[in-house]
Protein backbone atom coordinates (compact mmCIF):
# COMPACT_ATOMS: atom_id res chain seq x y z
CA MET A 1 -49.13 -227.24 139.64
CA LYS A 2 -49.09 -230.64 137.93
CA ARG A 3 -46.68 -232.05 140.55
CA LEU A 4 -48.92 -230.74 143.34
CA GLN A 5 -51.95 -232.44 141.78
CA ILE A 6 -50.05 -235.74 141.60
CA LEU A 7 -49.02 -235.50 145.27
CA LEU A 8 -52.57 -234.69 146.31
CA SER A 9 -53.86 -237.66 144.31
CA ILE A 10 -51.39 -239.99 146.04
CA ALA A 11 -52.38 -238.63 149.44
CA GLY A 12 -56.03 -239.18 148.59
CA LEU A 13 -55.31 -242.73 147.48
CA LEU A 14 -53.53 -243.46 150.76
CA CYS A 15 -56.53 -242.24 152.75
CA LEU A 16 -58.99 -244.15 150.59
CA VAL A 17 -57.16 -247.44 150.29
CA TRP A 18 -55.15 -247.69 153.49
CA GLY A 19 -57.54 -246.14 155.95
CA PRO A 20 -59.47 -249.39 156.61
CA VAL A 21 -56.34 -251.55 156.77
CA GLN A 22 -55.39 -252.74 160.23
CA ALA A 23 -51.96 -254.31 160.65
CA ALA A 24 -51.39 -257.31 162.86
CA GLU A 25 -50.51 -256.50 166.46
CA GLU A 26 -46.75 -256.66 167.07
CA ASP A 27 -45.44 -258.93 169.80
CA HIS A 28 -41.76 -259.80 169.18
CA GLY A 29 -41.69 -262.48 171.91
CA ASP A 30 -41.16 -259.94 174.69
CA ASP A 31 -44.36 -257.93 174.30
CA HIS A 32 -44.58 -255.10 176.82
CA THR A 33 -48.24 -254.28 176.11
CA ALA A 34 -50.39 -257.36 175.35
CA ALA A 35 -48.47 -259.81 177.57
CA GLU A 36 -47.21 -259.72 181.13
CA GLU A 37 -43.53 -258.86 181.43
CA GLY A 38 -41.17 -260.94 183.51
CA PRO A 39 -38.32 -259.71 185.73
CA ASN A 40 -35.84 -260.18 182.87
CA GLY A 41 -37.90 -258.18 180.39
CA GLY A 42 -39.29 -261.23 178.61
CA ARG A 43 -42.76 -262.60 178.00
CA LEU A 44 -44.15 -264.22 181.15
CA LEU A 45 -46.05 -267.50 180.64
CA GLU A 46 -47.72 -269.44 183.43
CA ASP A 47 -49.39 -272.84 183.80
CA GLY A 48 -50.29 -273.69 187.35
CA ALA A 49 -47.16 -273.74 189.50
CA VAL A 50 -44.88 -273.59 186.45
CA THR A 51 -43.64 -270.26 185.07
CA LEU A 52 -41.68 -269.68 181.87
CA GLU A 53 -40.15 -266.34 180.92
CA LEU A 54 -39.00 -266.15 177.28
CA ALA A 55 -37.06 -263.29 175.72
CA ILE A 56 -35.03 -262.48 172.62
CA TYR A 57 -31.68 -261.07 173.71
CA GLU A 58 -29.62 -259.11 171.17
CA ARG A 59 -27.50 -256.52 172.93
CA GLY A 60 -24.23 -256.56 171.02
CA ILE A 61 -24.72 -260.16 169.84
CA PRO A 62 -26.82 -261.91 167.17
CA PRO A 63 -30.38 -262.35 168.48
CA GLU A 64 -30.78 -265.42 170.70
CA TYR A 65 -33.52 -266.90 172.85
CA ARG A 66 -33.08 -266.88 176.62
CA ALA A 67 -35.51 -268.52 179.03
CA TRP A 68 -36.03 -268.65 182.78
CA ILE A 69 -37.99 -271.59 184.20
CA SER A 70 -39.38 -271.82 187.72
CA ARG A 71 -41.75 -274.06 189.67
CA ASP A 72 -43.41 -272.97 192.87
CA GLY A 73 -41.22 -269.86 192.72
CA GLU A 74 -37.96 -271.83 192.61
CA ALA A 75 -35.61 -271.59 189.61
CA VAL A 76 -35.31 -274.78 187.54
CA THR A 77 -31.75 -275.41 186.34
CA GLN A 78 -31.99 -279.03 185.20
CA GLY A 79 -34.44 -281.76 184.22
CA ALA A 80 -36.46 -279.52 181.89
CA GLU A 81 -36.95 -279.89 178.15
CA LEU A 82 -37.95 -276.69 176.33
CA ILE A 83 -38.67 -276.46 172.61
CA VAL A 84 -39.74 -273.25 170.84
CA GLU A 85 -41.04 -273.37 167.28
CA LEU A 86 -41.44 -270.25 165.13
CA THR A 87 -43.77 -270.53 162.13
CA ARG A 88 -42.97 -267.78 159.66
CA LEU A 89 -45.13 -266.25 156.94
CA GLY A 90 -45.42 -268.76 154.13
CA GLY A 91 -44.85 -271.84 156.32
CA PRO A 92 -41.11 -272.16 157.20
CA VAL A 93 -40.55 -273.31 160.79
CA ASP A 94 -37.52 -272.49 162.98
CA ARG A 95 -37.00 -274.88 165.91
CA PHE A 96 -34.99 -274.08 169.06
CA THR A 97 -33.91 -276.43 171.83
CA PHE A 98 -32.55 -275.09 175.12
CA THR A 99 -29.71 -275.91 177.48
CA HIS A 100 -28.99 -274.34 180.87
CA GLN A 101 -26.11 -271.88 181.01
CA GLY A 102 -25.33 -269.66 183.97
CA ASP A 103 -28.60 -268.28 185.30
CA TYR A 104 -30.76 -268.88 182.20
CA TRP A 105 -31.63 -271.42 179.53
CA LEU A 106 -30.10 -270.65 176.13
CA GLY A 107 -31.79 -271.42 172.81
CA GLU A 108 -29.51 -273.06 170.26
CA GLY A 109 -29.15 -270.89 167.12
CA VAL A 110 -29.80 -267.34 165.97
CA VAL A 111 -33.30 -265.88 165.86
CA GLU A 112 -33.17 -264.53 162.33
CA GLU A 113 -34.85 -261.29 161.32
CA PRO A 114 -37.56 -260.38 160.89
CA HIS A 115 -38.82 -261.35 164.30
CA SER A 116 -42.27 -262.02 162.93
CA PHE A 117 -43.82 -265.44 163.50
CA ASP A 118 -46.42 -267.54 165.28
CA VAL A 119 -44.80 -268.99 168.40
CA THR A 120 -45.29 -272.34 170.09
CA ALA A 121 -43.41 -272.97 173.35
CA GLU A 122 -43.53 -276.50 174.76
CA LEU A 123 -42.02 -277.27 178.16
CA THR A 124 -41.71 -280.75 179.65
CA LEU A 125 -40.94 -280.71 183.37
CA ALA A 126 -41.28 -283.52 185.96
CA GLY A 127 -43.22 -285.63 183.45
CA GLN A 128 -45.78 -282.92 182.80
CA ASN A 129 -46.25 -281.07 179.51
CA HIS A 130 -46.97 -277.34 179.31
CA GLN A 131 -47.67 -275.52 176.05
CA TRP A 132 -48.27 -271.90 175.05
CA THR A 133 -48.98 -270.34 171.66
CA TRP A 134 -49.17 -266.71 170.57
CA GLU A 135 -48.59 -264.40 167.62
CA SER A 136 -45.46 -262.26 167.49
CA HIS A 137 -45.69 -260.18 164.32
CA GLU A 138 -43.63 -257.21 163.18
CA GLY A 139 -43.27 -255.52 159.81
CA ARG A 140 -46.44 -257.25 158.61
CA THR A 141 -49.77 -256.00 157.34
CA GLU A 142 -52.89 -257.42 155.73
CA ILE A 143 -54.19 -256.02 152.42
CA SER A 144 -57.01 -257.47 150.39
CA ALA A 145 -56.45 -258.27 146.72
CA ALA A 146 -58.98 -255.60 145.73
CA MET A 147 -57.17 -252.92 147.75
CA ALA A 148 -53.79 -253.98 146.39
CA GLU A 149 -55.06 -253.72 142.84
CA GLN A 150 -56.60 -250.30 143.49
CA ALA A 151 -53.31 -249.04 144.95
CA GLY A 152 -51.30 -250.33 141.97
CA ILE A 153 -49.26 -252.79 144.03
CA ASP A 154 -47.44 -255.06 141.59
CA THR A 155 -45.44 -258.18 142.48
CA ARG A 156 -43.05 -260.59 140.82
CA ALA A 157 -41.20 -263.76 141.71
CA ALA A 158 -37.61 -263.43 142.89
CA GLY A 159 -35.14 -265.16 140.61
CA PRO A 160 -31.96 -264.84 138.56
CA ALA A 161 -30.95 -261.71 136.67
CA THR A 162 -28.12 -260.25 134.66
CA ILE A 163 -26.28 -257.43 136.39
CA GLU A 164 -24.55 -255.00 134.05
CA ARG A 165 -21.37 -253.21 135.07
CA ARG A 166 -21.26 -249.85 133.30
CA ILE A 167 -18.94 -246.93 132.72
CA ALA A 168 -20.42 -243.44 132.42
CA SER A 169 -19.45 -241.21 129.53
CA TYR A 170 -20.60 -237.97 127.91
CA GLY A 171 -20.64 -236.54 124.41
CA GLN A 172 -22.88 -235.17 121.70
CA LEU A 173 -24.82 -236.13 118.60
CA ILE A 174 -23.60 -235.33 115.11
CA ALA A 175 -25.03 -235.92 111.66
CA ASN A 176 -23.66 -238.94 109.84
CA PRO A 177 -21.34 -237.48 107.16
CA GLU A 178 -22.26 -240.38 104.88
CA THR A 179 -25.85 -239.10 104.74
CA ILE A 180 -25.01 -235.44 103.96
CA ALA A 181 -24.97 -234.09 100.39
CA ASP A 182 -23.59 -230.70 99.24
CA ILE A 183 -25.57 -229.69 96.17
CA LYS A 184 -24.09 -227.50 93.42
CA ALA A 185 -25.26 -226.23 90.03
CA ARG A 186 -24.36 -228.48 87.08
CA PHE A 187 -23.81 -225.44 84.85
CA PRO A 188 -23.02 -221.83 85.80
CA GLY A 189 -26.02 -219.57 85.60
CA LEU A 190 -28.47 -217.17 87.17
CA VAL A 191 -30.66 -218.36 90.03
CA LYS A 192 -34.24 -217.79 88.91
CA ARG A 193 -36.15 -219.49 91.72
CA VAL A 194 -35.44 -220.96 95.18
CA ALA A 195 -38.00 -223.52 96.42
CA ALA A 196 -36.43 -224.78 99.67
CA SER A 197 -35.59 -223.06 102.94
CA LEU A 198 -33.34 -223.96 105.85
CA GLY A 199 -34.90 -226.72 107.94
CA ASP A 200 -37.34 -227.92 105.26
CA GLN A 201 -38.05 -231.62 104.96
CA VAL A 202 -37.74 -232.57 101.29
CA GLN A 203 -38.45 -235.73 99.37
CA ASP A 204 -36.17 -237.52 96.94
CA GLY A 205 -36.26 -235.60 93.63
CA ALA A 206 -37.90 -232.48 95.09
CA VAL A 207 -37.00 -229.26 93.21
CA LEU A 208 -34.80 -227.03 95.36
CA ALA A 209 -34.07 -224.26 92.85
CA THR A 210 -34.08 -223.44 89.11
CA ILE A 211 -31.04 -222.08 87.26
CA GLU A 212 -30.83 -220.31 83.88
CA SER A 213 -27.70 -221.62 82.15
CA ASN A 214 -25.26 -218.94 80.97
CA GLU A 215 -24.48 -220.93 77.83
CA SER A 216 -27.86 -222.22 76.63
CA LEU A 217 -30.08 -219.68 78.41
CA GLN A 218 -32.30 -222.65 79.24
CA THR A 219 -33.51 -223.23 82.81
CA TYR A 220 -32.92 -226.48 84.64
CA ALA A 221 -33.86 -227.77 88.09
CA ILE A 222 -31.66 -228.50 91.08
CA GLU A 223 -33.18 -231.59 92.73
CA ALA A 224 -32.76 -233.30 96.11
CA PRO A 225 -30.67 -236.48 95.68
CA PHE A 226 -32.54 -238.19 98.55
CA ALA A 227 -35.14 -237.46 101.20
CA GLY A 228 -33.81 -235.41 104.07
CA THR A 229 -33.55 -232.09 105.87
CA VAL A 230 -32.11 -228.88 104.42
CA ILE A 231 -29.32 -228.06 106.88
CA GLN A 232 -27.66 -225.30 104.82
CA ARG A 233 -28.92 -222.85 102.18
CA ASN A 234 -26.35 -220.61 100.52
CA VAL A 235 -28.33 -219.15 97.60
CA ASN A 236 -30.96 -216.51 96.81
CA VAL A 237 -32.84 -215.50 93.67
CA GLY A 238 -30.75 -213.31 91.34
CA GLU A 239 -27.40 -214.67 92.48
CA LEU A 240 -24.93 -216.36 90.17
CA ALA A 241 -24.32 -220.08 90.66
CA GLU A 242 -20.69 -220.78 89.79
CA GLY A 243 -19.72 -224.05 91.47
CA GLN A 244 -20.32 -223.05 95.08
CA SER A 245 -22.46 -225.22 97.40
CA LEU A 246 -26.06 -224.08 97.10
CA PHE A 247 -27.69 -226.45 99.60
CA SER A 248 -26.70 -229.13 102.09
CA ILE A 249 -29.20 -231.90 102.75
CA ALA A 250 -28.88 -234.50 105.51
CA ASN A 251 -30.82 -237.67 106.15
CA LEU A 252 -31.19 -237.59 109.94
CA ASP A 253 -32.88 -240.98 110.29
CA THR A 254 -29.62 -242.09 111.85
CA LEU A 255 -27.18 -240.00 113.89
CA TRP A 256 -23.77 -240.59 115.35
CA VAL A 257 -23.07 -240.22 119.02
CA GLU A 258 -19.46 -239.38 119.83
CA LEU A 259 -18.45 -240.15 123.43
CA LYS A 260 -15.29 -239.02 125.18
CA ILE A 261 -13.32 -241.94 126.62
CA PHE A 262 -10.55 -240.87 128.99
CA PRO A 263 -7.32 -242.80 129.70
CA GLY A 264 -8.64 -244.33 132.94
CA GLN A 265 -11.57 -245.82 131.02
CA ARG A 266 -9.88 -246.79 127.77
CA GLN A 267 -8.72 -250.27 128.81
CA GLU A 268 -12.30 -251.47 129.37
CA ILE A 269 -13.88 -249.99 126.24
CA THR A 270 -14.03 -252.08 123.05
CA VAL A 271 -15.87 -252.02 119.73
CA GLY A 272 -19.23 -253.80 119.91
CA GLN A 273 -20.12 -252.90 123.48
CA THR A 274 -23.68 -251.81 124.22
CA VAL A 275 -24.28 -248.13 124.93
CA ARG A 276 -27.38 -246.90 126.75
CA ILE A 277 -27.89 -243.26 125.85
CA GLU A 278 -30.00 -240.50 127.39
CA SER A 279 -30.37 -237.09 125.81
CA GLU A 280 -30.09 -234.22 128.27
CA GLY A 281 -33.37 -232.48 129.01
CA GLU A 282 -35.41 -235.12 127.18
CA GLY A 283 -35.28 -238.17 129.43
CA GLU A 284 -35.73 -240.65 126.58
CA GLN A 285 -33.31 -243.57 126.44
CA TYR A 286 -31.76 -245.14 123.36
CA GLN A 287 -29.52 -248.11 122.79
CA ALA A 288 -26.67 -248.56 120.32
CA ASN A 289 -23.36 -250.36 119.92
CA ILE A 290 -19.87 -248.90 119.63
CA ASP A 291 -18.81 -249.04 115.97
CA HIS A 292 -15.45 -247.25 116.10
CA LEU A 293 -12.80 -246.01 118.51
CA LEU A 294 -11.07 -242.94 117.08
CA PRO A 295 -8.32 -240.58 118.21
CA SER A 296 -9.54 -237.15 119.20
CA SER A 297 -8.59 -234.04 117.27
CA ASN A 298 -6.06 -231.48 118.51
CA ASN A 299 -4.27 -234.05 120.69
CA ALA A 300 -7.01 -233.91 123.33
CA PRO A 301 -6.48 -236.43 126.18
CA PHE A 302 -9.28 -238.80 125.21
CA VAL A 303 -10.44 -241.05 122.40
CA ILE A 304 -13.82 -240.97 120.72
CA ALA A 305 -16.22 -243.92 120.92
CA ARG A 306 -18.68 -243.63 118.05
CA ALA A 307 -22.06 -245.37 117.84
CA GLU A 308 -24.92 -245.03 115.39
CA ILE A 309 -28.38 -244.20 116.81
CA ASP A 310 -31.71 -244.83 115.16
CA ASN A 311 -33.54 -241.49 114.81
CA ALA A 312 -36.38 -242.55 112.55
CA GLN A 313 -38.85 -240.76 114.85
CA GLY A 314 -36.93 -237.50 114.42
CA THR A 315 -36.77 -236.72 118.15
CA LEU A 316 -33.00 -236.14 118.18
CA THR A 317 -31.00 -233.40 116.50
CA PRO A 318 -27.29 -232.91 115.77
CA GLY A 319 -25.51 -230.97 118.48
CA GLN A 320 -27.52 -232.36 121.37
CA LEU A 321 -25.50 -233.18 124.48
CA ILE A 322 -25.98 -236.71 125.77
CA SER A 323 -24.94 -238.90 128.70
CA ALA A 324 -24.32 -242.60 128.25
CA ASP A 325 -23.61 -245.79 130.13
CA ILE A 326 -21.30 -248.22 128.35
CA VAL A 327 -21.90 -251.84 129.36
CA VAL A 328 -18.44 -253.29 129.98
CA GLU A 329 -19.46 -256.53 131.76
CA ARG A 330 -22.55 -258.69 132.20
CA ILE A 331 -22.75 -260.87 135.30
CA ASP A 332 -25.39 -263.58 135.75
CA VAL A 333 -26.47 -263.83 139.40
CA PRO A 334 -28.74 -266.56 140.82
CA LEU A 335 -30.98 -264.18 142.78
CA ALA A 336 -31.73 -260.48 142.32
CA VAL A 337 -34.53 -257.98 142.92
CA ASP A 338 -35.82 -255.02 140.98
CA ASN A 339 -34.44 -251.85 142.56
CA ARG A 340 -37.92 -250.31 142.65
CA ALA A 341 -38.76 -252.86 145.36
CA LEU A 342 -36.05 -251.76 147.80
CA GLN A 343 -37.06 -249.72 150.83
CA ALA A 344 -35.27 -248.47 153.94
CA PHE A 345 -36.82 -249.95 157.09
CA ARG A 346 -35.22 -249.39 160.51
CA ASP A 347 -31.52 -249.90 159.81
CA TRP A 348 -32.11 -252.42 156.98
CA THR A 349 -32.75 -252.43 153.28
CA VAL A 350 -35.83 -254.58 152.74
CA VAL A 351 -38.35 -255.85 150.27
CA PHE A 352 -41.92 -256.83 151.13
CA ILE A 353 -42.93 -260.39 150.36
CA GLN A 354 -46.53 -261.36 149.68
CA VAL A 355 -48.27 -264.51 150.87
CA GLY A 356 -51.98 -264.33 150.16
CA ASP A 357 -53.24 -261.07 151.64
CA SER A 358 -50.24 -260.76 153.97
CA TYR A 359 -47.21 -258.56 153.29
CA GLU A 360 -44.07 -258.66 155.41
CA ILE A 361 -40.55 -257.21 155.44
CA ARG A 362 -37.52 -259.24 154.41
CA PRO A 363 -34.20 -257.63 155.43
CA LEU A 364 -31.64 -258.28 152.69
CA LYS A 365 -27.91 -258.60 152.37
CA LEU A 366 -27.16 -257.15 148.97
CA GLY A 367 -24.35 -257.53 146.46
CA ARG A 368 -23.71 -255.97 143.08
CA SER A 369 -26.11 -253.56 141.42
CA ASP A 370 -26.46 -251.85 138.06
CA GLY A 371 -29.16 -249.36 139.01
CA ARG A 372 -31.96 -251.59 137.71
CA PHE A 373 -31.39 -254.87 139.56
CA THR A 374 -29.45 -255.72 142.72
CA GLU A 375 -27.98 -259.08 143.64
CA VAL A 376 -29.41 -260.69 146.80
CA LEU A 377 -26.88 -262.57 148.94
CA SER A 378 -29.28 -263.52 151.75
CA GLY A 379 -32.70 -262.73 153.17
CA LEU A 380 -34.85 -263.89 150.25
CA ASN A 381 -35.51 -267.23 148.57
CA PRO A 382 -35.87 -267.94 144.84
CA GLY A 383 -39.54 -267.93 143.95
CA ASP A 384 -40.60 -265.62 146.80
CA THR A 385 -43.23 -263.17 145.60
CA TYR A 386 -42.13 -259.63 146.39
CA VAL A 387 -43.64 -256.20 145.78
CA VAL A 388 -42.11 -254.10 143.00
CA ASP A 389 -44.39 -251.18 142.15
CA ASN A 390 -45.57 -248.91 144.99
CA SER A 391 -43.74 -250.83 147.70
CA TYR A 392 -43.46 -247.54 149.62
CA LEU A 393 -47.23 -247.71 150.27
CA ILE A 394 -46.79 -250.93 152.25
CA LYS A 395 -43.91 -249.42 154.20
CA ALA A 396 -46.07 -246.39 155.03
CA ASP A 397 -48.94 -248.59 156.20
CA ILE A 398 -46.71 -250.72 158.45
CA GLU A 399 -45.13 -247.64 160.01
CA LYS A 400 -48.52 -245.94 160.42
CA SER A 401 -50.01 -248.95 162.17
CA GLY A 402 -47.07 -249.31 164.56
CA ALA A 403 -46.13 -252.78 163.34
CA SER A 404 -42.43 -251.96 163.06
CA HIS A 405 -40.76 -253.08 166.27
CA ASP A 406 -37.95 -250.79 167.36
CA HIS A 407 -35.07 -252.77 168.87
């Protein structure tokens, strides 16, 4: 029921916040709806007797510009100077010059993704200048600051990060033997009173039981040697205390985690390494450092990596099963993104950059990842502002508005 309410709330938020948003009309330089299409499938531009057809060609090759120039219906194969400038979101400009090859004019260089820009095409032919401008946007939408805040869209600047290489391991929690006390009677005698039960939290000096000494017939108290939890009680009123353990008390403010390290992992595990621990069924994470590497009992085919965990809040108990990631290497990378920002878009992995009220895809080439951050090899610049929290809302809005060109 709670999950359903959350999903309904998200759906309501999408309708409320994103309903009024209208994404920019997609063009891609060979628009088949808003612009006239030429015989080669490109955008047809005319100025008097001069015609320019401009298309992005990418069938089996990196995207390139191809152009066809004609005057009075005759193809122009020489004597023309064509320059196309693409102004991308945030200000970068890509400039293409053209040379004639075969039956078309070829733009020099690759038209990098995303194909989202403001286009200026300038053609000089027979001493006359012809110029066209238009918008060719894809994977872009406009969202006001107020709407972004209401939707919980959070951004950060792209920059360096430390990628952690980890090894997974499993084990369980145990009480620290150094914080366990077995309590016995000082003198043999009859148990007259028991004041503590299994599981009780007791303070330092608290009376656990009273014993009537067999020799003096005087009663004396059995007291807790420190604050802790009663983990064993082996005595009842009327029984004879004769040197056996009456109580066991443990201070559970710290626990040990014992992880199984198998032969294939052993070479990379050393004392001092950081361990990130998650208790099964709880979801809380803890951090510790490996204190000891010990042989397992009974000749089992693994060693034990032991780390001490702070349990001052009392949320953990001995015997709990845990999973852990052991950090075996830290790698500083010059550019990385938070994994929450990553979204699948067409056949890319992208983030959405923000410039003012505009948001646009950035296809990424990715490197190493540790589950929290991923190295960026290309597609993003240091300092670019990208969306971290709720990036899926922007993806949904772009797809809903039809601003994702399908190649």
